[in-house]
Amino acid sequence: MLEVMLAAGILLTCLVVLAELASVGRRHARDAEQLTAAQLLARSRLNEMLAGAVPLESQAASDVDELPGWSCKVDVEPLGRLGLSAVTVTVARISAETLETPAGGGGKSFSLTRWVHSSDSDPAVSEGP
């Protein structure tokens, strides 16, 4: 009788551990899915700007219709060399408590930076070979 109770206790402990592992796995899968969606959105926004559909200029953080609960911000920083600018698109999770993007990197975010030729640079420098 004691052996059966001990075996039942071990079985229940194993089931609790397996349930917790499954929960952790689901949470990580959801996080990976959200990060992938953020990466695709950042790439899409950058490509829209490079194609000329959206002006190549800095934009304040704004809500994203395609990805509720996330915001998108664009920074365009001239590098001063050879007419290049660094275009950074940041997609960040909006904190539910403050409705702001988390400061200090505490939240989930993805940034994509690409160097592009500035439109106001010398045409002789901007053109390739």
N, C-alpha and C. Protein backbone atom coordinates (compact mmCIF):
# COMPACT_ATOMS: atom_id res chain seq x y z
N MET A 1 0.82 -1.20 0.00
CA MET A 1 0.00 0.00 0.00
C MET A 1 0.87 1.26 0.00
N LEU A 2 1.93 1.25 0.76
CA LEU A 2 2.84 2.39 0.83
C LEU A 2 3.51 2.63 -0.52
N GLU A 3 3.84 1.52 -1.22
CA GLU A 3 4.49 1.64 -2.52
C GLU A 3 3.56 2.30 -3.53
N VAL A 4 2.27 1.97 -3.47
CA VAL A 4 1.29 2.54 -4.40
C VAL A 4 1.14 4.04 -4.15
N MET A 5 1.10 4.44 -2.89
CA MET A 5 0.98 5.86 -2.55
C MET A 5 2.23 6.63 -2.99
N LEU A 6 3.39 6.04 -2.81
CA LEU A 6 4.64 6.67 -3.23
C LEU A 6 4.68 6.81 -4.76
N ALA A 7 4.27 5.76 -5.46
CA ALA A 7 4.24 5.81 -6.93
C ALA A 7 3.24 6.85 -7.42
N ALA A 8 2.08 6.93 -6.76
CA ALA A 8 1.08 7.93 -7.14
C ALA A 8 1.62 9.35 -6.90
N GLY A 9 2.33 9.55 -5.81
CA GLY A 9 2.93 10.86 -5.53
C GLY A 9 3.97 11.25 -6.57
N ILE A 10 4.80 10.29 -6.95
CA ILE A 10 5.82 10.55 -7.98
C ILE A 10 5.14 10.87 -9.32
N LEU A 11 4.08 10.12 -9.65
CA LEU A 11 3.35 10.35 -10.89
C LEU A 11 2.74 11.75 -10.92
N LEU A 12 2.11 12.16 -9.83
CA LEU A 12 1.50 13.49 -9.77
C LEU A 12 2.55 14.59 -9.87
N THR A 13 3.68 14.40 -9.22
CA THR A 13 4.77 15.38 -9.31
C THR A 13 5.26 15.51 -10.74
N CYS A 14 5.42 14.38 -11.42
CA CYS A 14 5.85 14.40 -12.82
C CYS A 14 4.83 15.10 -13.71
N LEU A 15 3.55 14.87 -13.46
CA LEU A 15 2.50 15.52 -14.25
C LEU A 15 2.51 17.03 -14.06
N VAL A 16 2.73 17.48 -12.82
CA VAL A 16 2.80 18.92 -12.55
C VAL A 16 4.00 19.53 -13.28
N VAL A 17 5.14 18.86 -13.24
CA VAL A 17 6.34 19.37 -13.91
C VAL A 17 6.12 19.41 -15.42
N LEU A 18 5.53 18.37 -15.99
CA LEU A 18 5.26 18.34 -17.43
C LEU A 18 4.27 19.43 -17.84
N ALA A 19 3.26 19.68 -17.03
CA ALA A 19 2.30 20.74 -17.33
C ALA A 19 2.98 22.11 -17.32
N GLU A 20 3.87 22.33 -16.37
CA GLU A 20 4.62 23.59 -16.31
C GLU A 20 5.53 23.74 -17.53
N LEU A 21 6.19 22.67 -17.93
CA LEU A 21 7.04 22.72 -19.12
C LEU A 21 6.23 23.03 -20.38
N ALA A 22 5.04 22.46 -20.48
CA ALA A 22 4.17 22.74 -21.62
C ALA A 22 3.75 24.21 -21.62
N SER A 23 3.47 24.75 -20.45
CA SER A 23 3.10 26.16 -20.34
C SER A 23 4.25 27.07 -20.77
N VAL A 24 5.45 26.75 -20.34
CA VAL A 24 6.63 27.53 -20.73
C VAL A 24 6.84 27.44 -22.24
N GLY A 25 6.65 26.27 -22.80
CA GLY A 25 6.80 26.09 -24.24
C GLY A 25 5.79 26.91 -25.03
N ARG A 26 4.53 26.94 -24.57
CA ARG A 26 3.51 27.75 -25.24
C ARG A 26 3.85 29.23 -25.16
N ARG A 27 4.33 29.68 -24.00
CA ARG A 27 4.68 31.09 -23.82
C ARG A 27 5.83 31.48 -24.76
N HIS A 28 6.85 30.63 -24.85
CA HIS A 28 7.98 30.93 -25.74
C HIS A 28 7.56 30.89 -27.21
N ALA A 29 6.67 29.98 -27.56
CA ALA A 29 6.18 29.92 -28.94
C ALA A 29 5.41 31.18 -29.29
N ARG A 30 4.57 31.67 -28.38
CA ARG A 30 3.82 32.90 -28.60
C ARG A 30 4.76 34.10 -28.74
N ASP A 31 5.79 34.16 -27.87
CA ASP A 31 6.77 35.25 -27.96
C ASP A 31 7.52 35.22 -29.28
N ALA A 32 7.90 34.03 -29.73
CA ALA A 32 8.61 33.90 -31.00
C ALA A 32 7.72 34.32 -32.17
N GLU A 33 6.45 33.97 -32.10
CA GLU A 33 5.51 34.35 -33.15
C GLU A 33 5.35 35.87 -33.20
N GLN A 34 5.23 36.50 -32.03
CA GLN A 34 5.10 37.95 -31.98
C GLN A 34 6.36 38.65 -32.49
N LEU A 35 7.53 38.14 -32.12
CA LEU A 35 8.78 38.74 -32.58
C LEU A 35 8.93 38.60 -34.09
N THR A 36 8.51 37.47 -34.63
CA THR A 36 8.56 37.27 -36.08
C THR A 36 7.64 38.26 -36.78
N ALA A 37 6.44 38.46 -36.23
CA ALA A 37 5.51 39.43 -36.81
C ALA A 37 6.10 40.84 -36.74
N ALA A 38 6.77 41.18 -35.65
CA ALA A 38 7.40 42.49 -35.51
C ALA A 38 8.53 42.65 -36.53
N GLN A 39 9.31 41.61 -36.76
CA GLN A 39 10.38 41.66 -37.75
C GLN A 39 9.82 41.88 -39.15
N LEU A 40 8.76 41.16 -39.49
CA LEU A 40 8.15 41.31 -40.81
C LEU A 40 7.57 42.71 -40.99
N LEU A 41 6.96 43.25 -39.93
CA LEU A 41 6.40 44.59 -40.01
C LEU A 41 7.50 45.63 -40.20
N ALA A 42 8.60 45.51 -39.46
CA ALA A 42 9.72 46.45 -39.59
C ALA A 42 10.28 46.40 -41.00
N ARG A 43 10.46 45.22 -41.53
CA ARG A 43 10.98 45.07 -42.89
C ARG A 43 10.01 45.67 -43.91
N SER A 44 8.72 45.46 -43.70
CA SER A 44 7.71 45.99 -44.61
C SER A 44 7.72 47.52 -44.59
N ARG A 45 7.78 48.11 -43.40
CA ARG A 45 7.80 49.58 -43.30
C ARG A 45 9.05 50.15 -43.96
N LEU A 46 10.19 49.52 -43.75
CA LEU A 46 11.43 49.99 -44.36
C LEU A 46 11.35 49.89 -45.88
N ASN A 47 10.82 48.79 -46.38
CA ASN A 47 10.70 48.62 -47.83
C ASN A 47 9.72 49.63 -48.44
N GLU A 48 8.65 49.99 -47.71
CA GLU A 48 7.73 51.02 -48.19
C GLU A 48 8.44 52.35 -48.36
N MET A 49 9.31 52.69 -47.41
CA MET A 49 10.05 53.95 -47.50
C MET A 49 11.07 53.91 -48.63
N LEU A 50 11.75 52.78 -48.79
CA LEU A 50 12.76 52.68 -49.85
C LEU A 50 12.12 52.68 -51.23
N ALA A 51 10.90 52.19 -51.34
CA ALA A 51 10.20 52.18 -52.62
C ALA A 51 9.58 53.53 -52.95
N GLY A 52 9.51 54.44 -51.96
CA GLY A 52 8.95 55.77 -52.19
C GLY A 52 7.48 55.87 -51.89
N ALA A 53 6.85 54.82 -51.39
CA ALA A 53 5.43 54.86 -51.06
C ALA A 53 5.17 55.71 -49.82
N VAL A 54 6.16 55.79 -48.94
CA VAL A 54 6.09 56.59 -47.71
C VAL A 54 7.33 57.47 -47.69
N PRO A 55 7.19 58.74 -47.27
CA PRO A 55 8.38 59.61 -47.24
C PRO A 55 9.47 59.06 -46.32
N LEU A 56 10.71 59.25 -46.75
CA LEU A 56 11.86 58.79 -45.98
C LEU A 56 12.20 59.86 -44.95
N GLU A 57 11.46 59.84 -43.82
CA GLU A 57 11.66 60.82 -42.75
C GLU A 57 11.32 60.18 -41.42
N SER A 58 11.83 60.80 -40.35
CA SER A 58 11.58 60.28 -39.00
C SER A 58 10.09 60.37 -38.69
N GLN A 59 9.59 59.37 -37.96
CA GLN A 59 8.19 59.34 -37.55
C GLN A 59 8.12 58.97 -36.09
N ALA A 60 7.27 59.65 -35.34
CA ALA A 60 7.08 59.32 -33.93
C ALA A 60 6.41 57.96 -33.79
N ALA A 61 6.53 57.38 -32.61
CA ALA A 61 5.91 56.08 -32.37
C ALA A 61 4.40 56.19 -32.54
N SER A 62 3.84 55.26 -33.29
CA SER A 62 2.39 55.23 -33.52
C SER A 62 1.91 53.79 -33.47
N ASP A 63 0.63 53.64 -33.15
CA ASP A 63 0.04 52.30 -33.08
C ASP A 63 0.06 51.65 -34.46
N VAL A 64 0.15 50.34 -34.44
CA VAL A 64 0.21 49.56 -35.68
C VAL A 64 -1.12 48.83 -35.85
N ASP A 65 -1.81 49.10 -36.96
CA ASP A 65 -3.10 48.46 -37.20
C ASP A 65 -2.96 46.96 -37.43
N GLU A 66 -1.88 46.56 -38.12
CA GLU A 66 -1.68 45.16 -38.46
C GLU A 66 -1.28 44.31 -37.26
N LEU A 67 -0.76 44.95 -36.21
CA LEU A 67 -0.24 44.24 -35.05
C LEU A 67 -0.72 44.95 -33.78
N PRO A 68 -1.96 44.68 -33.33
CA PRO A 68 -2.49 45.38 -32.16
C PRO A 68 -1.60 45.18 -30.92
N GLY A 69 -1.45 46.26 -30.16
CA GLY A 69 -0.62 46.20 -28.96
C GLY A 69 0.83 46.52 -29.22
N TRP A 70 1.17 46.89 -30.45
CA TRP A 70 2.54 47.21 -30.82
C TRP A 70 2.58 48.61 -31.42
N SER A 71 3.74 49.26 -31.34
CA SER A 71 3.92 50.57 -31.95
C SER A 71 5.13 50.52 -32.88
N CYS A 72 5.15 51.45 -33.83
CA CYS A 72 6.24 51.51 -34.81
C CYS A 72 6.80 52.93 -34.83
N LYS A 73 8.12 53.04 -34.80
CA LYS A 73 8.80 54.34 -34.82
C LYS A 73 9.91 54.28 -35.86
N VAL A 74 10.10 55.39 -36.57
CA VAL A 74 11.15 55.47 -37.59
C VAL A 74 12.08 56.62 -37.24
N ASP A 75 13.38 56.35 -37.25
CA ASP A 75 14.40 57.38 -37.05
C ASP A 75 15.27 57.41 -38.29
N VAL A 76 15.45 58.61 -38.85
CA VAL A 76 16.35 58.81 -39.98
C VAL A 76 17.46 59.73 -39.49
N GLU A 77 18.68 59.22 -39.50
CA GLU A 77 19.82 59.97 -38.97
C GLU A 77 20.89 60.10 -40.06
N PRO A 78 21.16 61.35 -40.50
CA PRO A 78 22.22 61.53 -41.50
C PRO A 78 23.58 61.14 -40.91
N LEU A 79 24.37 60.43 -41.68
CA LEU A 79 25.68 59.99 -41.21
C LEU A 79 26.79 60.95 -41.60
N GLY A 80 26.52 61.83 -42.55
CA GLY A 80 27.50 62.84 -42.92
C GLY A 80 28.61 62.35 -43.81
N ARG A 81 28.65 61.11 -44.16
CA ARG A 81 29.70 60.56 -45.03
C ARG A 81 29.05 59.99 -46.28
N LEU A 82 29.52 60.49 -47.41
CA LEU A 82 29.08 59.98 -48.71
C LEU A 82 27.57 60.05 -48.90
N GLY A 83 26.92 60.98 -48.23
CA GLY A 83 25.48 61.15 -48.41
C GLY A 83 24.64 60.01 -47.88
N LEU A 84 25.11 59.32 -46.86
CA LEU A 84 24.36 58.19 -46.30
C LEU A 84 23.52 58.62 -45.10
N SER A 85 22.42 57.94 -44.91
CA SER A 85 21.58 58.11 -43.72
C SER A 85 21.29 56.74 -43.14
N ALA A 86 21.23 56.67 -41.82
CA ALA A 86 20.85 55.42 -41.15
C ALA A 86 19.35 55.49 -40.87
N VAL A 87 18.60 54.57 -41.46
CA VAL A 87 17.16 54.50 -41.24
C VAL A 87 16.91 53.34 -40.29
N THR A 88 16.35 53.66 -39.12
CA THR A 88 16.06 52.64 -38.11
C THR A 88 14.56 52.56 -37.89
N VAL A 89 14.00 51.38 -38.09
CA VAL A 89 12.59 51.13 -37.82
C VAL A 89 12.52 50.27 -36.57
N THR A 90 11.82 50.76 -35.54
CA THR A 90 11.69 50.05 -34.28
C THR A 90 10.23 49.70 -34.04
N VAL A 91 9.95 48.43 -33.86
CA VAL A 91 8.61 47.95 -33.52
C VAL A 91 8.69 47.45 -32.09
N ALA A 92 7.85 48.02 -31.21
CA ALA A 92 7.93 47.69 -29.78
C ALA A 92 6.55 47.38 -29.23
N ARG A 93 6.54 46.49 -28.24
CA ARG A 93 5.30 46.12 -27.54
C ARG A 93 4.88 47.28 -26.65
N ILE A 94 3.60 47.64 -26.68
CA ILE A 94 3.09 48.71 -25.84
C ILE A 94 2.72 48.12 -24.49
N SER A 95 3.21 48.74 -23.41
CA SER A 95 2.91 48.28 -22.06
C SER A 95 1.43 48.48 -21.77
N ALA A 96 0.76 47.45 -21.27
CA ALA A 96 -0.68 47.52 -21.01
C ALA A 96 -1.01 48.49 -19.88
N GLU A 97 -0.11 48.64 -18.91
CA GLU A 97 -0.38 49.50 -17.76
C GLU A 97 -0.29 50.98 -18.12
N THR A 98 0.74 51.36 -18.86
CA THR A 98 0.98 52.78 -19.13
C THR A 98 0.62 53.20 -20.55
N LEU A 99 0.31 52.25 -21.41
CA LEU A 99 0.02 52.50 -22.81
C LEU A 99 1.17 53.22 -23.51
N GLU A 100 2.38 52.96 -23.06
CA GLU A 100 3.58 53.52 -23.68
C GLU A 100 4.55 52.39 -23.96
N THR A 101 5.48 52.66 -24.86
CA THR A 101 6.52 51.67 -25.11
C THR A 101 7.45 51.64 -23.92
N PRO A 102 7.88 50.47 -23.47
CA PRO A 102 8.73 50.38 -22.29
C PRO A 102 10.07 51.07 -22.50
N ALA A 103 10.52 51.79 -21.49
CA ALA A 103 11.81 52.48 -21.57
C ALA A 103 12.91 51.57 -21.04
N GLY A 104 14.11 51.78 -21.51
CA GLY A 104 15.25 51.03 -20.99
C GLY A 104 15.37 49.62 -21.51
N GLY A 105 14.63 49.28 -22.55
CA GLY A 105 14.77 47.95 -23.14
C GLY A 105 14.14 46.84 -22.33
N GLY A 106 13.24 47.17 -21.39
CA GLY A 106 12.63 46.16 -20.56
C GLY A 106 11.56 45.35 -21.27
N GLY A 107 11.01 45.90 -22.35
CA GLY A 107 9.95 45.21 -23.06
C GLY A 107 10.44 44.54 -24.31
N LYS A 108 9.50 43.98 -25.05
CA LYS A 108 9.85 43.30 -26.29
C LYS A 108 9.88 44.33 -27.42
N SER A 109 10.95 44.31 -28.19
CA SER A 109 11.04 45.21 -29.33
C SER A 109 11.99 44.62 -30.36
N PHE A 110 11.87 45.15 -31.58
CA PHE A 110 12.76 44.75 -32.66
C PHE A 110 13.13 45.99 -33.44
N SER A 111 14.42 46.18 -33.70
CA SER A 111 14.90 47.32 -34.48
C SER A 111 15.64 46.82 -35.72
N LEU A 112 15.37 47.48 -36.83
CA LEU A 112 16.01 47.16 -38.09
C LEU A 112 16.65 48.44 -38.62
N THR A 113 17.95 48.42 -38.84
CA THR A 113 18.67 49.60 -39.34
C THR A 113 19.26 49.30 -40.70
N ARG A 114 19.11 50.27 -41.60
CA ARG A 114 19.68 50.13 -42.94
C ARG A 114 20.26 51.47 -43.36
N TRP A 115 21.42 51.44 -43.97
CA TRP A 115 22.03 52.65 -44.49
C TRP A 115 21.55 52.85 -45.91
N VAL A 116 21.09 54.06 -46.21
CA VAL A 116 20.60 54.37 -47.54
C VAL A 116 21.21 55.69 -48.00
N HIS A 117 21.22 55.89 -49.31
CA HIS A 117 21.68 57.17 -49.86
C HIS A 117 20.63 58.22 -49.56
N SER A 118 21.05 59.37 -49.06
CA SER A 118 20.13 60.47 -48.79
C SER A 118 19.66 61.07 -50.10
N SER A 119 18.42 61.51 -50.13
CA SER A 119 17.87 62.08 -51.36
C SER A 119 18.43 63.46 -51.65
N ASP A 120 18.93 64.17 -50.62
CA ASP A 120 19.44 65.52 -50.82
C ASP A 120 20.95 65.54 -51.04
N SER A 121 21.56 64.40 -51.23
CA SER A 121 23.01 64.36 -51.42
C SER A 121 23.37 64.65 -52.87
N ASP A 122 24.63 64.82 -53.12
CA ASP A 122 25.15 65.09 -54.45
C ASP A 122 24.85 63.90 -55.37
N PRO A 123 24.23 64.12 -56.53
CA PRO A 123 23.90 63.00 -57.42
C PRO A 123 25.12 62.22 -57.87
N ALA A 124 26.26 62.89 -58.00
CA ALA A 124 27.46 62.18 -58.43
C ALA A 124 27.91 61.18 -57.38
N VAL A 125 27.65 61.50 -56.11
CA VAL A 125 28.03 60.59 -55.02
C VAL A 125 26.99 59.49 -54.87
N SER A 126 25.69 59.82 -55.09
CA SER A 126 24.61 58.87 -54.85
C SER A 126 24.57 57.76 -55.89
N GLU A 127 24.97 58.09 -57.11
CA GLU A 127 24.87 57.09 -58.17
C GLU A 127 25.96 56.05 -58.02
N GLY A 128 25.60 54.82 -58.30
CA GLY A 128 26.56 53.73 -58.25
C GLY A 128 27.34 53.63 -59.55
N PRO A 129 28.24 52.67 -59.65
CA PRO A 129 29.04 52.50 -60.86
C PRO A 129 28.21 52.06 -62.04
